[in-house]
Amino acid sequence: MDKKTIVFATSNKGKLNEIKEIFKDSAYEIISMKDAGVDIDIDENGSTFEENAFIKATAVYDITGGIVMADDSGLEVDYLEKKPGVFSSRYMGKDTPYEAKNLHILELLKDVPDNMRSARFVSAICCIMDDGEVLETTQTLEGKISHEILGAEGFGYDPIVYISDYGKTCAQLSIEEKNKISHRGKALRQMKIMLNRKLEEGPDR
């Protein structure tokens, strides 16, 4: 059976690799916006991760008309009143390297004890089917902010989010370990279940 194509509304190569890994044994082929010939700047002006995921998916769906999936994800640090939150990718400026962002957060929490360093990654995923139906799911990964940058894997804020059950930051996890527990991994697997259910129901459900 030919695979159905899903355009994932991202230009982030690290994120795209995670998505392709999770969907590699599915009935769907994941391609990037660039692969689909879409080159647009999307104004992510929502106040929640869910709103931004819907905004991104809708912007690409309006161009392609096929199945489009988008996520909005970020880091919530409780001590910082859940900042950077929906502004995670634009925190301290869109072009600011994540190393600088990570160092800044570590500095803000320099004297904060472990029991007040709670944080979580959040991933909201929106999928718009070719018939316009909208599927949505949101998942989290609980952790805490480490005291230093640790690990060279992953991307973004991974080097400062410590997962107690593994005794590692997200940047010290293998891609297999990370996909198993990550906010995006959990959300993508849930979305995959929802999409497979759609296939089983068929067009005349």
Protein backbone atom coordinates (compact mmCIF):
# COMPACT_ATOMS: atom_id res chain seq x y z
CA MET A 1 0.00 0.00 0.00
CA ASP A 2 1.31 3.43 -0.94
CA LYS A 3 2.07 5.62 2.01
CA LYS A 4 0.04 8.76 2.60
CA THR A 5 2.12 11.93 2.66
CA ILE A 6 2.04 14.28 5.62
CA VAL A 7 3.65 17.69 5.35
CA PHE A 8 5.12 18.61 8.74
CA ALA A 9 5.14 22.36 9.24
CA THR A 10 8.71 22.81 10.43
CA SER A 11 12.11 23.81 9.11
CA ASN A 12 13.86 22.40 12.19
CA LYS A 13 15.99 19.46 11.03
CA GLY A 14 16.38 18.00 14.53
CA LYS A 15 12.65 18.01 15.05
CA LEU A 16 12.02 16.52 11.60
CA ASN A 17 14.46 13.66 12.28
CA GLU A 18 12.60 12.80 15.51
CA ILE A 19 9.28 12.76 13.68
CA LYS A 20 10.53 10.61 10.80
CA GLU A 21 12.01 8.11 13.26
CA ILE A 22 8.69 7.67 15.06
CA PHE A 23 6.65 7.42 11.84
CA LYS A 24 9.11 5.20 9.93
CA ASP A 25 6.99 2.04 10.39
CA SER A 26 3.65 3.74 9.78
CA ALA A 27 1.36 4.13 6.77
CA TYR A 28 2.47 7.74 6.48
CA GLU A 29 5.50 9.41 4.92
CA ILE A 30 6.65 12.61 6.62
CA ILE A 31 8.05 15.38 4.45
CA SER A 32 9.17 18.90 5.32
CA MET A 33 7.66 22.19 4.21
CA LYS A 34 10.68 22.63 1.94
CA ASP A 35 10.07 19.21 0.36
CA ALA A 36 6.48 20.31 -0.29
CA GLY A 37 7.64 23.56 -1.90
CA VAL A 38 6.26 25.71 0.91
CA ASP A 39 8.36 28.69 1.95
CA ILE A 40 6.41 31.00 4.23
CA ASP A 41 6.92 32.83 7.50
CA ILE A 42 4.14 31.91 9.91
CA ASP A 43 3.11 34.40 12.58
CA GLU A 44 2.82 32.27 15.71
CA ASN A 45 0.65 34.71 17.64
CA GLY A 46 -1.33 32.25 19.75
CA SER A 47 -1.35 32.41 23.55
CA THR A 48 -1.09 28.62 24.00
CA PHE A 49 0.91 25.80 22.43
CA GLU A 50 -2.35 24.38 21.03
CA GLU A 51 -3.29 27.64 19.33
CA ASN A 52 0.14 27.98 17.73
CA ALA A 53 0.12 24.38 16.45
CA PHE A 54 -3.27 25.02 14.83
CA ILE A 55 -2.07 28.31 13.32
CA LYS A 56 0.98 26.62 11.77
CA ALA A 57 -0.96 23.64 10.44
CA THR A 58 -3.67 25.87 8.95
CA ALA A 59 -1.16 28.13 7.20
CA VAL A 60 0.44 25.18 5.38
CA TYR A 61 -2.88 23.38 4.77
CA ASP A 62 -4.23 26.48 3.02
CA ILE A 63 -1.37 26.13 0.52
CA THR A 64 -1.07 22.36 0.07
CA GLY A 65 -4.61 21.09 0.73
CA GLY A 66 -3.20 17.70 1.76
CA ILE A 67 -2.59 16.26 5.22
CA VAL A 68 -0.58 18.70 7.33
CA MET A 69 0.81 18.25 10.82
CA ALA A 70 2.36 20.87 13.05
CA ASP A 71 3.56 21.08 16.59
CA ASP A 72 4.26 23.88 18.96
CA SER A 73 6.53 22.92 21.76
CA GLY A 74 8.58 24.61 24.39
CA LEU A 75 9.95 24.73 27.88
CA GLU A 76 8.04 25.82 30.96
CA VAL A 77 10.17 26.71 34.00
CA ASP A 78 7.99 26.99 37.09
CA TYR A 79 10.37 29.34 38.94
CA LEU A 80 10.18 31.70 35.93
CA GLU A 81 6.36 31.65 35.95
CA LYS A 82 6.36 29.06 33.14
CA LYS A 83 8.58 31.13 30.87
CA PRO A 84 9.84 30.87 28.18
CA GLY A 85 6.67 28.90 27.31
CA VAL A 86 5.15 29.67 23.91
CA PHE A 87 8.06 32.05 23.28
CA SER A 88 10.66 29.28 23.68
CA SER A 89 11.99 29.51 20.12
CA ARG A 90 11.94 33.33 20.21
CA TYR A 91 13.24 33.73 23.77
CA MET A 92 15.89 36.47 23.88
CA GLY A 93 15.38 36.92 20.14
CA LYS A 94 14.67 34.41 17.37
CA ASP A 95 18.30 34.35 16.16
CA THR A 96 19.85 33.97 19.61
CA PRO A 97 21.78 30.66 19.84
CA TYR A 98 20.30 28.13 22.25
CA GLU A 99 23.59 27.95 24.11
CA ALA A 100 23.08 31.60 25.08
CA LYS A 101 19.46 30.96 26.03
CA ASN A 102 20.43 27.97 28.15
CA LEU A 103 23.20 29.89 29.90
CA HIS A 104 20.78 32.74 30.62
CA ILE A 105 18.23 30.40 32.24
CA LEU A 106 20.97 28.76 34.30
CA GLU A 107 22.06 32.20 35.47
CA LEU A 108 18.50 33.14 36.46
CA LEU A 109 18.29 29.94 38.54
CA LYS A 110 21.87 30.14 39.84
CA ASP A 111 20.97 30.07 43.54
CA VAL A 112 17.66 28.23 43.27
CA PRO A 113 17.55 24.89 45.16
CA ASP A 114 16.72 21.61 43.41
CA ASN A 115 13.21 21.42 44.84
CA MET A 116 12.33 24.71 43.11
CA ARG A 117 13.86 23.92 39.70
CA SER A 118 10.87 21.99 38.30
CA ALA A 119 10.25 22.37 34.59
CA ARG A 120 8.64 20.55 31.71
CA PHE A 121 8.71 20.27 27.98
CA VAL A 122 5.29 20.63 26.35
CA SER A 123 4.32 19.50 22.85
CA ALA A 124 0.96 20.25 21.25
CA ILE A 125 0.39 18.57 17.89
CA CYS A 126 -2.30 19.49 15.40
CA CYS A 127 -3.05 17.47 12.27
CA ILE A 128 -5.42 18.68 9.59
CA MET A 129 -6.65 15.86 7.38
CA ASP A 130 -7.20 16.30 3.66
CA ASP A 131 -10.95 16.56 4.34
CA GLY A 132 -10.36 19.38 6.83
CA GLU A 133 -10.91 17.35 10.00
CA VAL A 134 -8.66 18.50 12.87
CA LEU A 135 -6.90 16.06 15.23
CA GLU A 136 -5.09 17.38 18.31
CA THR A 137 -3.09 16.07 21.25
CA THR A 138 -0.82 17.58 23.94
CA GLN A 139 1.81 15.74 25.98
CA THR A 140 4.52 16.74 28.48
CA LEU A 141 7.87 15.57 29.82
CA GLU A 142 8.49 16.53 33.45
CA GLY A 143 12.01 17.32 34.62
CA LYS A 144 14.02 20.00 36.33
CA ILE A 145 16.60 22.55 35.30
CA SER A 146 20.15 21.25 35.71
CA HIS A 147 22.97 23.32 37.23
CA GLU A 148 25.09 23.23 34.07
CA ILE A 149 24.91 22.44 30.37
CA LEU A 150 25.29 18.68 29.95
CA GLY A 151 25.27 16.51 26.82
CA ALA A 152 25.77 16.98 23.11
CA GLU A 153 22.77 15.13 21.68
CA GLY A 154 19.37 16.64 20.92
CA PHE A 155 18.85 20.35 20.38
CA GLY A 156 17.28 23.46 21.89
CA TYR A 157 16.91 23.35 25.67
CA ASP A 158 17.78 19.63 25.92
CA PRO A 159 21.17 20.23 27.64
CA ILE A 160 19.59 21.90 30.70
CA VAL A 161 16.52 19.71 31.30
CA TYR A 162 17.43 16.93 33.73
CA ILE A 163 15.32 13.75 33.87
CA SER A 164 15.63 12.17 37.32
CA ASP A 165 14.54 8.67 36.24
CA TYR A 166 17.46 8.49 33.81
CA GLY A 167 19.97 10.57 35.78
CA LYS A 168 20.67 12.51 32.59
CA THR A 169 19.70 15.64 30.74
CA CYS A 170 17.71 15.22 27.53
CA ALA A 171 20.93 16.00 25.62
CA GLN A 172 22.62 12.96 27.21
CA LEU A 173 19.90 10.56 26.09
CA SER A 174 20.20 8.49 22.92
CA ILE A 175 17.61 9.29 20.24
CA GLU A 176 15.86 6.01 21.11
CA GLU A 177 15.70 6.90 24.81
CA LYS A 178 14.56 10.42 24.05
CA ASN A 179 11.82 9.37 21.62
CA LYS A 180 10.54 6.90 24.22
CA ILE A 181 9.93 9.53 26.90
CA SER A 182 9.95 12.93 25.23
CA HIS A 183 6.97 15.25 25.09
CA ARG A 184 7.07 15.24 21.31
CA GLY A 185 7.63 11.48 21.13
CA LYS A 186 4.58 10.83 23.31
CA ALA A 187 2.46 13.31 21.37
CA LEU A 188 3.54 11.87 18.02
CA ARG A 189 2.79 8.30 19.10
CA GLN A 190 -0.64 9.40 20.29
CA MET A 191 -1.20 11.18 16.97
CA LYS A 192 -0.05 8.07 15.10
CA ILE A 193 -2.70 6.03 16.95
CA MET A 194 -5.34 8.61 16.00
CA LEU A 195 -4.24 8.57 12.35
CA ASN A 196 -4.19 4.77 12.20
CA ARG A 197 -7.71 4.76 13.61
CA LYS A 198 -8.74 7.10 10.80
CA LEU A 199 -7.31 4.66 8.25
CA GLU A 200 -9.19 1.75 9.85
CA GLU A 201 -12.44 3.71 9.83
CA GLY A 202 -12.03 4.47 6.15
CA PRO A 203 -13.64 7.29 4.17
CA ASP A 204 -17.21 6.04 4.70
CA ARG A 205 -17.15 5.84 8.51
